[in-house]
């Protein structure tokens, strides 16, 4: 099951992509830049969620080995 940061990050990434594209279509450079920044923030948040998920898997594996 994905970490909540992975889900929130993907949603932010997708929203940022839409915002960036809308800025490109309308010629609004500020909107385009904000969308690109949101997209990048979403990618980073998703990556952080993957790291936390992997750390939890390692923790579980170590615990299973100890038992």
PDB file of N, CA and C in Angstrom:
ATOM      1  N   UNK A   1       0.849  -1.187   0.000  1.00  0.00           N
ATOM      2  CA  UNK A   1       0.000   0.000   0.000  1.00  0.00           C
ATOM      3  C   UNK A   1       0.888   1.241   0.000  1.00  0.00           C
ATOM      4  N   UNK A   2       0.605   2.190  -0.885  1.00  0.00           N
ATOM      5  CA  UNK A   2       1.439   3.385  -0.967  1.00  0.00           C
ATOM      6  C   UNK A   2       1.334   4.244   0.294  1.00  0.00           C
ATOM      7  N   UNK A   3       2.411   4.896   0.604  1.00  0.00           N
ATOM      8  CA  UNK A   3       2.477   5.849   1.702  1.00  0.00           C
ATOM      9  C   UNK A   3       1.611   7.062   1.344  1.00  0.00           C
ATOM     10  N   UNK A   4       1.058   7.734   2.353  1.00  0.00           N
ATOM     11  CA  UNK A   4       0.212   8.902   2.077  1.00  0.00           C
ATOM     12  C   UNK A   4       0.980   9.998   1.336  1.00  0.00           C
ATOM     13  N   UNK A   5       2.283  10.112   1.607  1.00  0.00           N
ATOM     14  CA  UNK A   5       3.079  11.110   0.884  1.00  0.00           C
ATOM     15  C   UNK A   5       3.183  10.754  -0.597  1.00  0.00           C
ATOM     16  N   UNK A   6       3.204   9.461  -0.907  1.00  0.00           N
ATOM     17  CA  UNK A   6       3.239   9.052  -2.313  1.00  0.00           C
ATOM     18  C   UNK A   6       1.948   9.479  -3.013  1.00  0.00           C
ATOM     19  N   UNK A   7       0.823   9.252  -2.364  1.00  0.00           N
ATOM     20  CA  UNK A   7      -0.475   9.594  -2.952  1.00  0.00           C
ATOM     21  C   UNK A   7      -0.622  11.107  -3.085  1.00  0.00           C
ATOM     22  N   UNK A   8      -0.316  11.835  -2.003  1.00  0.00           N
ATOM     23  CA  UNK A   8      -0.424  13.298  -2.044  1.00  0.00           C
ATOM     24  C   UNK A   8       0.551  13.889  -3.061  1.00  0.00           C
ATOM     25  N   UNK A   9       1.750  13.311  -3.119  1.00  0.00           N
ATOM     26  CA  UNK A   9       2.746  13.792  -4.073  1.00  0.00           C
ATOM     27  C   UNK A   9       2.303  13.602  -5.508  1.00  0.00           C
ATOM     28  N   UNK A  10       1.714  12.442  -5.801  1.00  0.00           N
ATOM     29  CA  UNK A  10       1.243  12.180  -7.161  1.00  0.00           C
ATOM     30  C   UNK A  10       0.129  13.151  -7.526  1.00  0.00           C
ATOM     31  N   UNK A  11      -0.777  13.401  -6.579  1.00  0.00           N
ATOM     32  CA  UNK A  11      -1.868  14.341  -6.836  1.00  0.00           C
ATOM     33  C   UNK A  11      -1.323  15.747  -7.100  1.00  0.00           C
ATOM     34  N   UNK A  12      -0.344  16.160  -6.306  1.00  0.00           N
ATOM     35  CA  UNK A  12       0.247  17.499  -6.491  1.00  0.00           C
ATOM     36  C   UNK A  12       0.994  17.567  -7.819  1.00  0.00           C
ATOM     37  N   UNK A  13       1.680  16.474  -8.158  1.00  0.00           N
ATOM     38  CA  UNK A  13       2.411  16.421  -9.424  1.00  0.00           C
ATOM     39  C   UNK A  13       1.443  16.551 -10.606  1.00  0.00           C
ATOM     40  N   UNK A  14       0.335  15.828 -10.547  1.00  0.00           N
ATOM     41  CA  UNK A  14      -0.644  15.890 -11.634  1.00  0.00           C
ATOM     42  C   UNK A  14      -1.289  17.274 -11.719  1.00  0.00           C
ATOM     43  N   UNK A  15      -1.626  17.842 -10.564  1.00  0.00           N
ATOM     44  CA  UNK A  15      -2.200  19.185 -10.557  1.00  0.00           C
ATOM     45  C   UNK A  15      -1.231  20.215 -11.107  1.00  0.00           C
ATOM     46  N   UNK A  16       0.031  20.062 -10.747  1.00  0.00           N
ATOM     47  CA  UNK A  16       1.054  20.971 -11.254  1.00  0.00           C
ATOM     48  C   UNK A  16       1.218  20.863 -12.759  1.00  0.00           C
ATOM     49  N   UNK A  17       1.117  19.633 -13.276  1.00  0.00           N
ATOM     50  CA  UNK A  17       1.210  19.435 -14.722  1.00  0.00           C
ATOM     51  C   UNK A  17       0.079  20.142 -15.444  1.00  0.00           C
ATOM     52  N   UNK A  18      -1.130  20.023 -14.888  1.00  0.00           N
ATOM     53  CA  UNK A  18      -2.295  20.688 -15.488  1.00  0.00           C
ATOM     54  C   UNK A  18      -2.111  22.201 -15.443  1.00  0.00           C
ATOM     55  N   UNK A  19      -1.672  22.699 -14.295  1.00  0.00           N
ATOM     56  CA  UNK A  19      -1.469  24.142 -14.132  1.00  0.00           C
ATOM     57  C   UNK A  19      -0.385  24.638 -15.092  1.00  0.00           C
ATOM     58  N   UNK A  20       0.693  23.872 -15.206  1.00  0.00           N
ATOM     59  CA  UNK A  20       1.781  24.255 -16.106  1.00  0.00           C
ATOM     60  C   UNK A  20       1.286  24.310 -17.552  1.00  0.00           C
ATOM     61  N   UNK A  21       0.542  23.295 -17.961  1.00  0.00           N
ATOM     62  CA  UNK A  21       0.026  23.246 -19.332  1.00  0.00           C
ATOM     63  C   UNK A  21      -0.958  24.393 -19.587  1.00  0.00           C
ATOM     64  N   UNK A  22      -1.810  24.685 -18.596  1.00  0.00           N
ATOM     65  CA  UNK A  22      -2.748  25.802 -18.745  1.00  0.00           C
ATOM     66  C   UNK A  22      -1.989  27.114 -18.919  1.00  0.00           C
ATOM     67  N   UNK A  23      -0.908  27.276 -18.180  1.00  0.00           N
ATOM     68  CA  UNK A  23      -0.092  28.473 -18.326  1.00  0.00           C
ATOM     69  C   UNK A  23       0.533  28.581 -19.704  1.00  0.00           C
ATOM     70  N   UNK A  24       0.964  27.433 -20.245  1.00  0.00           N
ATOM     71  CA  UNK A  24       1.542  27.424 -21.595  1.00  0.00           C
ATOM     72  C   UNK A  24       0.495  27.806 -22.632  1.00  0.00           C
ATOM     73  N   UNK A  25      -0.693  27.223 -22.504  1.00  0.00           N
ATOM     74  CA  UNK A  25      -1.757  27.460 -23.476  1.00  0.00           C
ATOM     75  C   UNK A  25      -2.222  28.916 -23.453  1.00  0.00           C
ATOM     76  N   UNK A  26      -2.320  29.479 -22.250  1.00  0.00           N
ATOM     77  CA  UNK A  26      -2.816  30.856 -22.129  1.00  0.00           C
ATOM     78  C   UNK A  26      -1.706  31.903 -22.242  1.00  0.00           C
ATOM     79  N   UNK A  27      -0.464  31.445 -22.267  1.00  0.00           N
ATOM     80  CA  UNK A  27       0.646  32.399 -22.329  1.00  0.00           C
ATOM     81  C   UNK A  27       0.943  33.052 -20.996  1.00  0.00           C
ATOM     82  N   UNK A  28       0.424  32.478 -19.913  1.00  0.00           N
ATOM     83  CA  UNK A  28       0.630  33.016 -18.575  1.00  0.00           C
ATOM     84  C   UNK A  28       1.891  32.369 -17.984  1.00  0.00           C
ATOM     85  N   UNK A  29       2.999  33.072 -18.090  1.00  0.00           N
ATOM     86  CA  UNK A  29       4.280  32.520 -17.653  1.00  0.00           C
ATOM     87  C   UNK A  29       4.335  32.279 -16.150  1.00  0.00           C
ATOM     88  N   UNK A  30       3.655  33.130 -15.372  1.00  0.00           N
ATOM     89  CA  UNK A  30       3.628  32.957 -13.916  1.00  0.00           C
ATOM     90  C   UNK A  30       2.906  31.655 -13.549  1.00  0.00           C
ATOM     91  N   UNK A  31       1.773  31.403 -14.175  1.00  0.00           N
ATOM     92  CA  UNK A  31       1.021  30.181 -13.921  1.00  0.00           C
ATOM     93  C   UNK A  31       1.833  28.952 -14.355  1.00  0.00           C
ATOM     94  N   UNK A  32       2.484  29.074 -15.474  1.00  0.00           N
ATOM     95  CA  UNK A  32       3.315  27.981 -15.976  1.00  0.00           C
ATOM     96  C   UNK A  32       4.440  27.660 -14.988  1.00  0.00           C
ATOM     97  N   UNK A  33       5.078  28.696 -14.457  1.00  0.00           N
ATOM     98  CA  UNK A  33       6.178  28.506 -13.506  1.00  0.00           C
ATOM     99  C   UNK A  33       5.677  27.902 -12.192  1.00  0.00           C
ATOM    100  N   UNK A  34       4.526  28.387 -11.704  1.00  0.00           N
ATOM    101  CA  UNK A  34       3.951  27.825 -10.469  1.00  0.00           C
ATOM    102  C   UNK A  34       3.578  26.363 -10.678  1.00  0.00           C
ATOM    103  N   UNK A  35       3.040  26.054 -11.843  1.00  0.00           N
ATOM    104  CA  UNK A  35       2.688  24.668 -12.141  1.00  0.00           C
ATOM    105  C   UNK A  35       3.911  23.770 -12.178  1.00  0.00           C
ATOM    106  N   UNK A  36       4.982  24.242 -12.785  1.00  0.00           N
ATOM    107  CA  UNK A  36       6.219  23.461 -12.836  1.00  0.00           C
ATOM    108  C   UNK A  36       6.779  23.246 -11.431  1.00  0.00           C
ATOM    109  N   UNK A  37       6.696  24.284 -10.598  1.00  0.00           N
ATOM    110  CA  UNK A  37       7.184  24.166  -9.220  1.00  0.00           C
ATOM    111  C   UNK A  37       6.333  23.167  -8.436  1.00  0.00           C
ATOM    112  N   UNK A  38       5.012  23.231  -8.611  1.00  0.00           N
ATOM    113  CA  UNK A  38       4.133  22.282  -7.925  1.00  0.00           C
ATOM    114  C   UNK A  38       4.389  20.855  -8.398  1.00  0.00           C
ATOM    115  N   UNK A  39       4.637  20.712  -9.677  1.00  0.00           N
ATOM    116  CA  UNK A  39       4.928  19.390 -10.229  1.00  0.00           C
ATOM    117  C   UNK A  39       6.199  18.830  -9.591  1.00  0.00           C
ATOM    118  N   UNK A  40       7.220  19.660  -9.491  1.00  0.00           N
ATOM    119  CA  UNK A  40       8.480  19.228  -8.884  1.00  0.00           C
ATOM    120  C   UNK A  40       8.309  18.914  -7.397  1.00  0.00           C
ATOM    121  N   UNK A  41       7.530  19.730  -6.697  1.00  0.00           N
ATOM    122  CA  UNK A  41       7.261  19.466  -5.276  1.00  0.00           C
ATOM    123  C   UNK A  41       6.531  18.133  -5.113  1.00  0.00           C
ATOM    124  N   UNK A  42       5.598  17.870  -5.995  1.00  0.00           N
ATOM    125  CA  UNK A  42       4.869  16.611  -5.950  1.00  0.00           C
ATOM    126  C   UNK A  42       5.780  15.414  -6.174  1.00  0.00           C
ATOM    127  N   UNK A  43       6.697  15.547  -7.123  1.00  0.00           N
ATOM    128  CA  UNK A  43       7.663  14.465  -7.376  1.00  0.00           C
ATOM    129  C   UNK A  43       8.521  14.222  -6.143  1.00  0.00           C
ATOM    130  N   UNK A  44       8.972  15.298  -5.518  1.00  0.00           N
ATOM    131  CA  UNK A  44       9.811  15.165  -4.322  1.00  0.00           C
ATOM    132  C   UNK A  44       9.029  14.527  -3.178  1.00  0.00           C
ATOM    133  N   UNK A  45       7.786  14.943  -3.000  1.00  0.00           N
ATOM    134  CA  UNK A  45       6.966  14.375  -1.930  1.00  0.00           C
ATOM    135  C   UNK A  45       6.707  12.888  -2.196  1.00  0.00           C
ATOM    136  N   UNK A  46       6.464  12.533  -3.440  1.00  0.00           N
ATOM    137  CA  UNK A  46       6.261  11.131  -3.789  1.00  0.00           C
ATOM    138  C   UNK A  46       7.510  10.310  -3.538  1.00  0.00           C
ATOM    139  N   UNK A  47       8.659  10.866  -3.864  1.00  0.00           N
ATOM    140  CA  UNK A  47       9.921  10.166  -3.623  1.00  0.00           C
ATOM    141  C   UNK A  47      10.152   9.970  -2.128  1.00  0.00           C
ATOM    142  N   UNK A  48       9.818  10.979  -1.331  1.00  0.00           N
ATOM    143  CA  UNK A  48       9.953  10.869   0.119  1.00  0.00           C
ATOM    144  C   UNK A  48       9.048   9.753   0.638  1.00  0.00           C
ATOM    145  N   UNK A  49       7.852   9.660   0.098  1.00  0.00           N
ATOM    146  CA  UNK A  49       6.947   8.589   0.494  1.00  0.00           C
ATOM    147  C   UNK A  49       7.506   7.217   0.169  1.00  0.00           C
ATOM    148  N   UNK A  50       8.166   7.091  -0.977  1.00  0.00           N
ATOM    149  CA  UNK A  50       8.794   5.817  -1.353  1.00  0.00           C
ATOM    150  C   UNK A  50       9.924   5.461  -0.392  1.00  0.00           C
ATOM    151  N   UNK A  51      10.693   6.460   0.015  1.00  0.00           N
ATOM    152  CA  UNK A  51      11.787   6.228   0.965  1.00  0.00           C
ATOM    153  C   UNK A  51      11.225   5.741   2.298  1.00  0.00           C
ATOM    154  N   UNK A  52      10.175   6.414   2.775  1.00  0.00           N
ATOM    155  CA  UNK A  52       9.568   5.999   4.045  1.00  0.00           C
ATOM    156  C   UNK A  52       8.999   4.583   3.942  1.00  0.00           C
ATOM    157  N   UNK A  53       8.376   4.280   2.815  1.00  0.00           N
ATOM    158  CA  UNK A  53       7.801   2.949   2.600  1.00  0.00           C
ATOM    159  C   UNK A  53       8.907   1.891   2.598  1.00  0.00           C
ATOM    160  N   UNK A  54      10.005   2.179   1.905  1.00  0.00           N
ATOM    161  CA  UNK A  54      11.123   1.236   1.848  1.00  0.00           C
ATOM    162  C   UNK A  54      11.753   1.058   3.227  1.00  0.00           C
ATOM    163  N   UNK A  55      11.864   2.139   3.984  1.00  0.00           N
ATOM    164  CA  UNK A  55      12.430   2.044   5.332  1.00  0.00           C
ATOM    165  C   UNK A  55      11.548   1.161   6.217  1.00  0.00           C
ATOM    166  N   UNK A  56      10.254   1.278   6.061  1.00  0.00           N
ATOM    167  CA  UNK A  56       9.332   0.437   6.812  1.00  0.00           C
ATOM    168  C   UNK A  56       9.483  -1.028   6.431  1.00  0.00           C
ATOM    169  N   UNK A  57       9.701  -1.296   5.140  1.00  0.00           N
ATOM    170  CA  UNK A  57       9.916  -2.667   4.680  1.00  0.00           C
ATOM    171  C   UNK A  57      11.187  -3.252   5.287  1.00  0.00           C
ATOM    172  N   UNK A  58      12.253  -2.447   5.340  1.00  0.00           N
ATOM    173  CA  UNK A  58      13.514  -2.908   5.932  1.00  0.00           C
ATOM    174  C   UNK A  58      13.317  -3.191   7.413  1.00  0.00           C
ATOM    175  N   UNK A  59      12.624  -2.294   8.086  1.00  0.00           N
ATOM    176  CA  UNK A  59      12.352  -2.471   9.509  1.00  0.00           C
ATOM    177  C   UNK A  59      11.592  -3.770   9.747  1.00  0.00           C
ATOM    178  N   UNK A  60      10.571  -4.027   8.936  1.00  0.00           N
ATOM    179  CA  UNK A  60       9.789  -5.258   9.067  1.00  0.00           C
ATOM    180  C   UNK A  60      10.642  -6.495   8.795  1.00  0.00           C
ATOM    181  N   UNK A  61      11.507  -6.421   7.804  1.00  0.00           N
ATOM    182  CA  UNK A  61      12.363  -7.557   7.476  1.00  0.00           C
ATOM    183  C   UNK A  61      13.341  -7.861   8.613  1.00  0.00           C
ATOM    184  N   UNK A  62      13.900  -6.813   9.198  1.00  0.00           N
ATOM    185  CA  UNK A  62      14.831  -6.991  10.313  1.00  0.00           C
ATOM    186  C   UNK A  62      14.089  -7.595  11.508  1.00  0.00           C
ATOM    187  N   UNK A  63      12.901  -7.101  11.766  1.00  0.00           N
ATOM    188  CA  UNK A  63      12.104  -7.619  12.880  1.00  0.00           C
ATOM    189  C   UNK A  63      11.774  -9.102  12.641  1.00  0.00           C
ATOM    190  N   UNK A  64      11.400  -9.456  11.418  1.00  0.00           N
ATOM    191  CA  UNK A  64      11.085 -10.847  11.104  1.00  0.00           C
ATOM    192  C   UNK A  64      12.312 -11.745  11.302  1.00  0.00           C
ATOM    193  N   UNK A  65      13.489 -11.236  10.957  1.00  0.00           N
ATOM    194  CA  UNK A  65      14.720 -12.012  11.121  1.00  0.00           C
ATOM    195  C   UNK A  65      15.054 -12.190  12.600  1.00  0.00           C
ATOM    196  N   UNK A  66      14.718 -11.208  13.397  1.00  0.00           N
ATOM    197  CA  UNK A  66      15.014 -11.260  14.838  1.00  0.00           C
ATOM    198  C   UNK A  66      14.093 -12.266  15.537  1.00  0.00           C
ATOM    199  N   UNK A  67      12.887 -12.451  15.016  1.00  0.00           N
ATOM    200  CA  UNK A  67      11.925 -13.377  15.621  1.00  0.00           C
ATOM    201  C   UNK A  67      12.289 -14.742  15.245  1.00  0.00           C
TER     202      UNK A  67
END
